[in-house]
PDB file of N, CA and C in Angstrom:
ATOM      1  N   MET A   1      -1.545 -10.793  30.965  1.00  0.00           N
ATOM      2  CA  MET A   1      -2.402 -10.207  29.945  1.00  0.00           C
ATOM      3  C   MET A   1      -2.420 -11.105  28.706  1.00  0.00           C
ATOM      4  N   ALA A   2      -3.427 -11.873  28.602  1.00  0.00           N
ATOM      5  CA  ALA A   2      -3.538 -12.783  27.465  1.00  0.00           C
ATOM      6  C   ALA A   2      -3.901 -12.049  26.186  1.00  0.00           C
ATOM      7  N   HIS A   3      -4.565 -10.915  26.317  1.00  0.00           N
ATOM      8  CA  HIS A   3      -5.026 -10.201  25.124  1.00  0.00           C
ATOM      9  C   HIS A   3      -4.348  -8.858  24.968  1.00  0.00           C
ATOM     10  N   ASN A   4      -3.107  -8.769  25.372  1.00  0.00           N
ATOM     11  CA  ASN A   4      -2.351  -7.533  25.237  1.00  0.00           C
ATOM     12  C   ASN A   4      -2.197  -7.142  23.766  1.00  0.00           C
ATOM     13  N   GLU A   5      -2.134  -8.130  22.903  1.00  0.00           N
ATOM     14  CA  GLU A   5      -1.968  -7.882  21.477  1.00  0.00           C
ATOM     15  C   GLU A   5      -3.142  -7.096  20.897  1.00  0.00           C
ATOM     16  N   HIS A   6      -4.339  -7.303  21.417  1.00  0.00           N
ATOM     17  CA  HIS A   6      -5.520  -6.614  20.913  1.00  0.00           C
ATOM     18  C   HIS A   6      -5.584  -5.161  21.394  1.00  0.00           C
ATOM     19  N   ASN A   7      -4.973  -4.879  22.508  1.00  0.00           N
ATOM     20  CA  ASN A   7      -5.024  -3.532  23.068  1.00  0.00           C
ATOM     21  C   ASN A   7      -3.947  -2.613  22.503  1.00  0.00           C
ATOM     22  N   ARG A   8      -2.998  -3.166  21.810  1.00  0.00           N
ATOM     23  CA  ARG A   8      -1.883  -2.406  21.276  1.00  0.00           C
ATOM     24  C   ARG A   8      -2.326  -1.593  20.061  1.00  0.00           C
ATOM     25  N   GLN A   9      -1.799  -0.374  19.944  1.00  0.00           N
ATOM     26  CA  GLN A   9      -2.121   0.466  18.796  1.00  0.00           C
ATOM     27  C   GLN A   9      -1.413  -0.070  17.559  1.00  0.00           C
ATOM     28  N   LYS A  10      -2.135  -0.150  16.478  1.00  0.00           N
ATOM     29  CA  LYS A  10      -1.553  -0.627  15.223  1.00  0.00           C
ATOM     30  C   LYS A  10      -0.720   0.493  14.608  1.00  0.00           C
ATOM     31  N   THR A  11       0.492   0.166  14.211  1.00  0.00           N
ATOM     32  CA  THR A  11       1.376   1.150  13.601  1.00  0.00           C
ATOM     33  C   THR A  11       1.800   0.667  12.232  1.00  0.00           C
ATOM     34  N   GLY A  12       2.329   1.554  11.444  1.00  0.00           N
ATOM     35  CA  GLY A  12       2.854   1.181  10.148  1.00  0.00           C
ATOM     36  C   GLY A  12       2.090   1.794   8.988  1.00  0.00           C
ATOM     37  N   GLY A  13       0.777   1.837   9.048  1.00  0.00           N
ATOM     38  CA  GLY A  13      -0.001   2.444   7.982  1.00  0.00           C
ATOM     39  C   GLY A  13      -0.028   1.639   6.703  1.00  0.00           C
ATOM     40  N   GLY A  14       0.099   0.319   6.795  1.00  0.00           N
ATOM     41  CA  GLY A  14       0.118  -0.518   5.603  1.00  0.00           C
ATOM     42  C   GLY A  14      -1.181  -0.467   4.827  1.00  0.00           C
ATOM     43  N   PHE A  15      -2.302  -0.441   5.534  1.00  0.00           N
ATOM     44  CA  PHE A  15      -3.594  -0.402   4.849  1.00  0.00           C
ATOM     45  C   PHE A  15      -3.749   0.890   4.054  1.00  0.00           C
ATOM     46  N   PHE A  16      -3.288   2.006   4.623  1.00  0.00           N
ATOM     47  CA  PHE A  16      -3.353   3.284   3.913  1.00  0.00           C
ATOM     48  C   PHE A  16      -2.520   3.237   2.638  1.00  0.00           C
ATOM     49  N   LEU A  17      -1.348   2.621   2.684  1.00  0.00           N
ATOM     50  CA  LEU A  17      -0.499   2.535   1.502  1.00  0.00           C
ATOM     51  C   LEU A  17      -1.115   1.650   0.427  1.00  0.00           C
ATOM     52  N   ILE A  18      -1.807   0.598   0.841  1.00  0.00           N
ATOM     53  CA  ILE A  18      -2.490  -0.259  -0.139  1.00  0.00           C
ATOM     54  C   ILE A  18      -3.572   0.537  -0.858  1.00  0.00           C
ATOM     55  N   ILE A  19      -4.356   1.296  -0.099  1.00  0.00           N
ATOM     56  CA  ILE A  19      -5.426   2.102  -0.688  1.00  0.00           C
ATOM     57  C   ILE A  19      -4.840   3.178  -1.595  1.00  0.00           C
ATOM     58  N   LEU A  20      -3.775   3.834  -1.170  1.00  0.00           N
ATOM     59  CA  LEU A  20      -3.132   4.872  -1.989  1.00  0.00           C
ATOM     60  C   LEU A  20      -2.585   4.281  -3.282  1.00  0.00           C
ATOM     61  N   GLY A  21      -1.973   3.111  -3.206  1.00  0.00           N
ATOM     62  CA  GLY A  21      -1.457   2.454  -4.407  1.00  0.00           C
ATOM     63  C   GLY A  21      -2.562   2.097  -5.382  1.00  0.00           C
ATOM     64  N   ALA A  22      -3.670   1.581  -4.860  1.00  0.00           N
ATOM     65  CA  ALA A  22      -4.807   1.245  -5.722  1.00  0.00           C
ATOM     66  C   ALA A  22      -5.397   2.503  -6.346  1.00  0.00           C
ATOM     67  N   PHE A  23      -5.468   3.563  -5.567  1.00  0.00           N
ATOM     68  CA  PHE A  23      -5.980   4.833  -6.088  1.00  0.00           C
ATOM     69  C   PHE A  23      -5.105   5.340  -7.235  1.00  0.00           C
ATOM     70  N   LEU A  24      -3.801   5.322  -7.052  1.00  0.00           N
ATOM     71  CA  LEU A  24      -2.894   5.759  -8.126  1.00  0.00           C
ATOM     72  C   LEU A  24      -3.023   4.876  -9.355  1.00  0.00           C
ATOM     73  N   PHE A  25      -3.126   3.574  -9.143  1.00  0.00           N
ATOM     74  CA  PHE A  25      -3.214   2.646 -10.258  1.00  0.00           C
ATOM     75  C   PHE A  25      -4.489   2.842 -11.075  1.00  0.00           C
ATOM     76  N   VAL A  26      -5.593   3.173 -10.422  1.00  0.00           N
ATOM     77  CA  VAL A  26      -6.875   3.309 -11.111  1.00  0.00           C
ATOM     78  C   VAL A  26      -7.049   4.707 -11.709  1.00  0.00           C
ATOM     79  N   ILE A  27      -6.651   5.738 -10.993  1.00  0.00           N
ATOM     80  CA  ILE A  27      -6.924   7.104 -11.408  1.00  0.00           C
ATOM     81  C   ILE A  27      -5.902   7.644 -12.419  1.00  0.00           C
ATOM     82  N   ALA A  28      -4.658   7.219 -12.333  1.00  0.00           N
ATOM     83  CA  ALA A  28      -3.613   7.757 -13.212  1.00  0.00           C
ATOM     84  C   ALA A  28      -3.940   7.616 -14.702  1.00  0.00           C
ATOM     85  N   PRO A  29      -4.439   6.468 -15.176  1.00  0.00           N
ATOM     86  CA  PRO A  29      -4.747   6.390 -16.608  1.00  0.00           C
ATOM     87  C   PRO A  29      -5.848   7.358 -17.053  1.00  0.00           C
ATOM     88  N   MET A  30      -6.768   7.657 -16.158  1.00  0.00           N
ATOM     89  CA  MET A  30      -7.843   8.578 -16.530  1.00  0.00           C
ATOM     90  C   MET A  30      -7.342  10.022 -16.567  1.00  0.00           C
ATOM     91  N   TRP A  31      -6.534  10.399 -15.590  1.00  0.00           N
ATOM     92  CA  TRP A  31      -6.045  11.775 -15.537  1.00  0.00           C
ATOM     93  C   TRP A  31      -5.023  12.077 -16.624  1.00  0.00           C
ATOM     94  N   PHE A  32      -4.166  11.110 -16.927  1.00  0.00           N
ATOM     95  CA  PHE A  32      -3.067  11.359 -17.848  1.00  0.00           C
ATOM     96  C   PHE A  32      -3.183  10.539 -19.121  1.00  0.00           C
ATOM     97  N   SER A  33      -4.391  10.377 -19.631  1.00  0.00           N
ATOM     98  CA  SER A  33      -4.575   9.599 -20.852  1.00  0.00           C
ATOM     99  C   SER A  33      -3.968  10.301 -22.064  1.00  0.00           C
ATOM    100  N   GLN A  34      -3.905  11.621 -22.046  1.00  0.00           N
ATOM    101  CA  GLN A  34      -3.313  12.365 -23.159  1.00  0.00           C
ATOM    102  C   GLN A  34      -1.791  12.477 -23.042  1.00  0.00           C
ATOM    103  N   GLU A  35      -1.256  12.234 -21.851  1.00  0.00           N
ATOM    104  CA  GLU A  35       0.180  12.350 -21.613  1.00  0.00           C
ATOM    105  C   GLU A  35       0.716  11.044 -21.022  1.00  0.00           C
ATOM    106  N   PRO A  36       0.979  10.041 -21.861  1.00  0.00           N
ATOM    107  CA  PRO A  36       1.405   8.745 -21.324  1.00  0.00           C
ATOM    108  C   PRO A  36       2.760   8.797 -20.610  1.00  0.00           C
ATOM    109  N   GLU A  37       3.600   9.781 -20.914  1.00  0.00           N
ATOM    110  CA  GLU A  37       4.893   9.870 -20.233  1.00  0.00           C
ATOM    111  C   GLU A  37       4.741  10.237 -18.755  1.00  0.00           C
ATOM    112  N   LYS A  38       3.594  10.761 -18.362  1.00  0.00           N
ATOM    113  CA  LYS A  38       3.317  11.030 -16.948  1.00  0.00           C
ATOM    114  C   LYS A  38       2.465   9.925 -16.326  1.00  0.00           C
ATOM    115  N   GLY A  39       1.597   9.323 -17.102  1.00  0.00           N
ATOM    116  CA  GLY A  39       0.680   8.317 -16.576  1.00  0.00           C
ATOM    117  C   GLY A  39       1.338   6.987 -16.251  1.00  0.00           C
ATOM    118  N   LEU A  40       2.249   6.540 -17.106  1.00  0.00           N
ATOM    119  CA  LEU A  40       2.892   5.245 -16.881  1.00  0.00           C
ATOM    120  C   LEU A  40       3.749   5.219 -15.616  1.00  0.00           C
ATOM    121  N   PRO A  41       4.536   6.250 -15.333  1.00  0.00           N
ATOM    122  CA  PRO A  41       5.265   6.230 -14.050  1.00  0.00           C
ATOM    123  C   PRO A  41       4.341   6.255 -12.832  1.00  0.00           C
ATOM    124  N   LEU A  42       3.192   6.925 -12.932  1.00  0.00           N
ATOM    125  CA  LEU A  42       2.259   6.930 -11.810  1.00  0.00           C
ATOM    126  C   LEU A  42       1.615   5.562 -11.606  1.00  0.00           C
ATOM    127  N   ILE A  43       1.377   4.825 -12.685  1.00  0.00           N
ATOM    128  CA  ILE A  43       0.874   3.458 -12.552  1.00  0.00           C
ATOM    129  C   ILE A  43       1.918   2.590 -11.859  1.00  0.00           C
ATOM    130  N   ALA A  44       3.173   2.724 -12.274  1.00  0.00           N
ATOM    131  CA  ALA A  44       4.252   1.964 -11.632  1.00  0.00           C
ATOM    132  C   ALA A  44       4.398   2.364 -10.165  1.00  0.00           C
ATOM    133  N   LEU A  45       4.263   3.645  -9.875  1.00  0.00           N
ATOM    134  CA  LEU A  45       4.334   4.107  -8.495  1.00  0.00           C
ATOM    135  C   LEU A  45       3.189   3.522  -7.669  1.00  0.00           C
ATOM    136  N   GLY A  46       2.016   3.385  -8.263  1.00  0.00           N
ATOM    137  CA  GLY A  46       0.895   2.756  -7.582  1.00  0.00           C
ATOM    138  C   GLY A  46       1.187   1.312  -7.214  1.00  0.00           C
ATOM    139  N   PHE A  47       1.826   0.572  -8.126  1.00  0.00           N
ATOM    140  CA  PHE A  47       2.231  -0.796  -7.819  1.00  0.00           C
ATOM    141  C   PHE A  47       3.235  -0.833  -6.675  1.00  0.00           C
ATOM    142  N   VAL A  48       4.210   0.054  -6.704  1.00  0.00           N
ATOM    143  CA  VAL A  48       5.248   0.063  -5.674  1.00  0.00           C
ATOM    144  C   VAL A  48       4.659   0.420  -4.312  1.00  0.00           C
ATOM    145  N   VAL A  49       3.854   1.476  -4.268  1.00  0.00           N
ATOM    146  CA  VAL A  49       3.261   1.904  -2.993  1.00  0.00           C
ATOM    147  C   VAL A  49       2.336   0.819  -2.446  1.00  0.00           C
ATOM    148  N   GLY A  50       1.531   0.216  -3.294  1.00  0.00           N
ATOM    149  CA  GLY A  50       0.659  -0.867  -2.856  1.00  0.00           C
ATOM    150  C   GLY A  50       1.442  -2.081  -2.385  1.00  0.00           C
ATOM    151  N   GLY A  51       2.540  -2.387  -3.059  1.00  0.00           N
ATOM    152  CA  GLY A  51       3.388  -3.500  -2.646  1.00  0.00           C
ATOM    153  C   GLY A  51       4.034  -3.268  -1.297  1.00  0.00           C
ATOM    154  N   VAL A  52       4.495  -2.054  -1.056  1.00  0.00           N
ATOM    155  CA  VAL A  52       5.082  -1.716   0.247  1.00  0.00           C
ATOM    156  C   VAL A  52       4.009  -1.817   1.333  1.00  0.00           C
ATOM    157  N   GLY A  53       2.822  -1.327   1.042  1.00  0.00           N
ATOM    158  CA  GLY A  53       1.731  -1.429   2.002  1.00  0.00           C
ATOM    159  C   GLY A  53       1.357  -2.868   2.297  1.00  0.00           C
ATOM    160  N   PHE A  54       1.342  -3.705   1.268  1.00  0.00           N
ATOM    161  CA  PHE A  54       1.043  -5.126   1.463  1.00  0.00           C
ATOM    162  C   PHE A  54       2.107  -5.782   2.329  1.00  0.00           C
ATOM    163  N   TYR A  55       3.367  -5.438   2.094  1.00  0.00           N
ATOM    164  CA  TYR A  55       4.453  -5.995   2.905  1.00  0.00           C
ATOM    165  C   TYR A  55       4.302  -5.581   4.365  1.00  0.00           C
ATOM    166  N   ILE A  56       4.037  -4.303   4.591  1.00  0.00           N
ATOM    167  CA  ILE A  56       3.905  -3.809   5.965  1.00  0.00           C
ATOM    168  C   ILE A  56       2.700  -4.446   6.651  1.00  0.00           C
ATOM    169  N   ARG A  57       1.604  -4.557   5.949  1.00  0.00           N
ATOM    170  CA  ARG A  57       0.360  -5.020   6.557  1.00  0.00           C
ATOM    171  C   ARG A  57       0.343  -6.525   6.824  1.00  0.00           C
ATOM    172  N   PHE A  58       0.863  -7.313   5.887  1.00  0.00           N
ATOM    173  CA  PHE A  58       0.690  -8.759   5.986  1.00  0.00           C
ATOM    174  C   PHE A  58       2.000  -9.530   6.150  1.00  0.00           C
ATOM    175  N   LEU A  59       2.988  -9.285   5.334  1.00  0.00           N
ATOM    176  CA  LEU A  59       4.174 -10.122   5.334  1.00  0.00           C
ATOM    177  C   LEU A  59       5.094  -9.862   6.516  1.00  0.00           C
ATOM    178  N   ARG A  60       5.249  -8.625   6.921  1.00  0.00           N
ATOM    179  CA  ARG A  60       6.124  -8.317   8.045  1.00  0.00           C
ATOM    180  C   ARG A  60       5.573  -8.922   9.329  1.00  0.00           C
ATOM    181  N   LYS A  61       4.252  -8.948   9.455  1.00  0.00           N
ATOM    182  CA  LYS A  61       3.619  -9.521  10.638  1.00  0.00           C
ATOM    183  C   LYS A  61       3.915 -11.013  10.730  1.00  0.00           C
ATOM    184  N   LYS A  62       3.852 -11.731   9.608  1.00  0.00           N
ATOM    185  CA  LYS A  62       4.152 -13.168   9.598  1.00  0.00           C
ATOM    186  C   LYS A  62       5.627 -13.425   9.890  1.00  0.00           C
ATOM    187  N   LYS A  63       6.485 -12.556   9.363  1.00  0.00           N
ATOM    188  CA  LYS A  63       7.921 -12.717   9.562  1.00  0.00           C
ATOM    189  C   LYS A  63       8.285 -12.559  11.036  1.00  0.00           C
ATOM    190  N   ASN A  64       7.674 -11.592  11.735  1.00  0.00           N
ATOM    191  CA  ASN A  64       7.974 -11.363  13.137  1.00  0.00           C
ATOM    192  C   ASN A  64       7.389 -12.437  14.040  1.00  0.00           C
ATOM    193  N   SER A  65       6.307 -13.066  13.652  1.00  0.00           N
ATOM    194  CA  SER A  65       5.685 -14.069  14.503  1.00  0.00           C
ATOM    195  C   SER A  65       6.390 -15.409  14.438  1.00  0.00           C
ATOM    196  N   SER A  66       7.226 -15.638  13.442  1.00  0.00           N
ATOM    197  CA  SER A  66       7.939 -16.919  13.302  1.00  0.00           C
ATOM    198  C   SER A  66       9.064 -17.041  14.285  1.00  0.00           C
TER     199      SER A  66
END
């Protein structure tokens, strides 16, 4: 099976985490503009979630193929 890799189900959900992180990063300042003590941690959480998603989606794949 030369193309077994294409038939395999993708696991991990990295793309979903990237989208969720971007959503938190963009929406948090609008929702919590009056309460910065809640908005700033959500922005940081958006960076963390997006970073984890990026690692799962792109970097882990390169690490395993080496």
